[in-house]
Amino acid sequence: MPDEQTMEALAQALDLPVAYFHAASDPLAEAILLMSKLPLEKQEELLVRIRAFTAKLSVK
């Protein structure tokens, strides 16, 4: 695993968020990528919707 500085350089070079490299699955990586492209206000709005969706599924 690269150190933090290398990880940040890779992320910047590839135009990806650092969190993308830590995703445990491809769907999670895609969600991180899509969410990172939104402005902060929309990220927060999406998070509220995700919480509501998972609450309906009784996922903890």
C-alpha atoms as a PDB file:
ATOM      1  CA  MET A   1       0.000   0.000   0.000  1.00  0.00           C
ATOM      2  CA  PRO A   2       1.450   3.378  -0.963  1.00  0.00           C
ATOM      3  CA  ASP A   3       2.104   5.976   1.717  1.00  0.00           C
ATOM      4  CA  GLU A   4      -0.297   8.904   2.110  1.00  0.00           C
ATOM      5  CA  GLN A   5       1.752  11.309  -0.007  1.00  0.00           C
ATOM      6  CA  THR A   6       2.029   8.817  -2.879  1.00  0.00           C
ATOM      7  CA  MET A   7      -1.668   7.995  -2.634  1.00  0.00           C
ATOM      8  CA  GLU A   8      -2.552  11.687  -2.888  1.00  0.00           C
ATOM      9  CA  ALA A   9      -0.243  12.113  -5.900  1.00  0.00           C
ATOM     10  CA  LEU A  10      -1.830   9.108  -7.638  1.00  0.00           C
ATOM     11  CA  ALA A  11      -5.321  10.361  -6.903  1.00  0.00           C
ATOM     12  CA  GLN A  12      -4.494  13.795  -8.264  1.00  0.00           C
ATOM     13  CA  ALA A  13      -2.827  12.386 -11.389  1.00  0.00           C
ATOM     14  CA  LEU A  14      -5.816  10.143 -12.093  1.00  0.00           C
ATOM     15  CA  ASP A  15      -8.389  12.788 -11.070  1.00  0.00           C
ATOM     16  CA  LEU A  16      -9.842  10.474  -8.421  1.00  0.00           C
ATOM     17  CA  PRO A  17     -10.614  10.991  -4.740  1.00  0.00           C
ATOM     18  CA  VAL A  18      -8.201   9.189  -2.379  1.00  0.00           C
ATOM     19  CA  ALA A  19     -11.171   7.338  -0.860  1.00  0.00           C
ATOM     20  CA  TYR A  20     -11.687   5.627  -4.234  1.00  0.00           C
ATOM     21  CA  PHE A  21      -8.579   3.508  -3.610  1.00  0.00           C
ATOM     22  CA  HIS A  22      -9.908   2.314  -0.254  1.00  0.00           C
ATOM     23  CA  ALA A  23     -13.269   1.061  -1.524  1.00  0.00           C
ATOM     24  CA  ALA A  24     -13.928  -2.578  -0.673  1.00  0.00           C
ATOM     25  CA  SER A  25     -15.947  -3.247  -3.845  1.00  0.00           C
ATOM     26  CA  ASP A  26     -16.466  -1.900  -7.350  1.00  0.00           C
ATOM     27  CA  PRO A  27     -19.978  -0.569  -6.576  1.00  0.00           C
ATOM     28  CA  LEU A  28     -18.651   1.286  -3.536  1.00  0.00           C
ATOM     29  CA  ALA A  29     -15.767   2.709  -5.589  1.00  0.00           C
ATOM     30  CA  GLU A  30     -18.232   3.923  -8.218  1.00  0.00           C
ATOM     31  CA  ALA A  31     -20.456   5.496  -5.557  1.00  0.00           C
ATOM     32  CA  ILE A  32     -17.445   7.318  -4.086  1.00  0.00           C
ATOM     33  CA  LEU A  33     -16.437   8.545  -7.527  1.00  0.00           C
ATOM     34  CA  LEU A  34     -19.913   9.767  -8.428  1.00  0.00           C
ATOM     35  CA  MET A  35     -20.479  11.436  -5.077  1.00  0.00           C
ATOM     36  CA  SER A  36     -17.083  13.158  -5.165  1.00  0.00           C
ATOM     37  CA  LYS A  37     -18.072  14.941  -8.370  1.00  0.00           C
ATOM     38  CA  LEU A  38     -20.998  16.650  -6.637  1.00  0.00           C
ATOM     39  CA  PRO A  39     -20.750  19.936  -4.739  1.00  0.00           C
ATOM     40  CA  LEU A  40     -20.693  19.523  -0.947  1.00  0.00           C
ATOM     41  CA  GLU A  41     -24.334  20.596  -0.589  1.00  0.00           C
ATOM     42  CA  LYS A  42     -25.447  17.880  -3.021  1.00  0.00           C
ATOM     43  CA  GLN A  43     -23.176  15.304  -1.338  1.00  0.00           C
ATOM     44  CA  GLU A  44     -24.959  16.004   1.945  1.00  0.00           C
ATOM     45  CA  GLU A  45     -28.351  15.751   0.230  1.00  0.00           C
ATOM     46  CA  LEU A  46     -27.383  12.405  -1.294  1.00  0.00           C
ATOM     47  CA  LEU A  47     -26.182  11.137   2.079  1.00  0.00           C
ATOM     48  CA  VAL A  48     -29.586  11.949   3.599  1.00  0.00           C
ATOM     49  CA  ARG A  49     -31.258   9.983   0.799  1.00  0.00           C
ATOM     50  CA  ILE A  50     -28.895   7.027   1.254  1.00  0.00           C
ATOM     51  CA  ARG A  51     -29.635   6.969   4.981  1.00  0.00           C
ATOM     52  CA  ALA A  52     -33.372   6.996   4.306  1.00  0.00           C
ATOM     53  CA  PHE A  53     -33.038   4.224   1.731  1.00  0.00           C
ATOM     54  CA  THR A  54     -30.978   1.991   4.015  1.00  0.00           C
ATOM     55  CA  ALA A  55     -33.354   2.639   6.925  1.00  0.00           C
ATOM     56  CA  LYS A  56     -36.181   1.255   4.795  1.00  0.00           C
ATOM     57  CA  LEU A  57     -34.120  -1.884   4.208  1.00  0.00           C
ATOM     58  CA  SER A  58     -33.309  -2.211   7.918  1.00  0.00           C
ATOM     59  CA  VAL A  59     -29.588  -2.227   7.091  1.00  0.00           C
ATOM     60  CA  LYS A  60     -27.264  -1.267   9.909  1.00  0.00           C
END
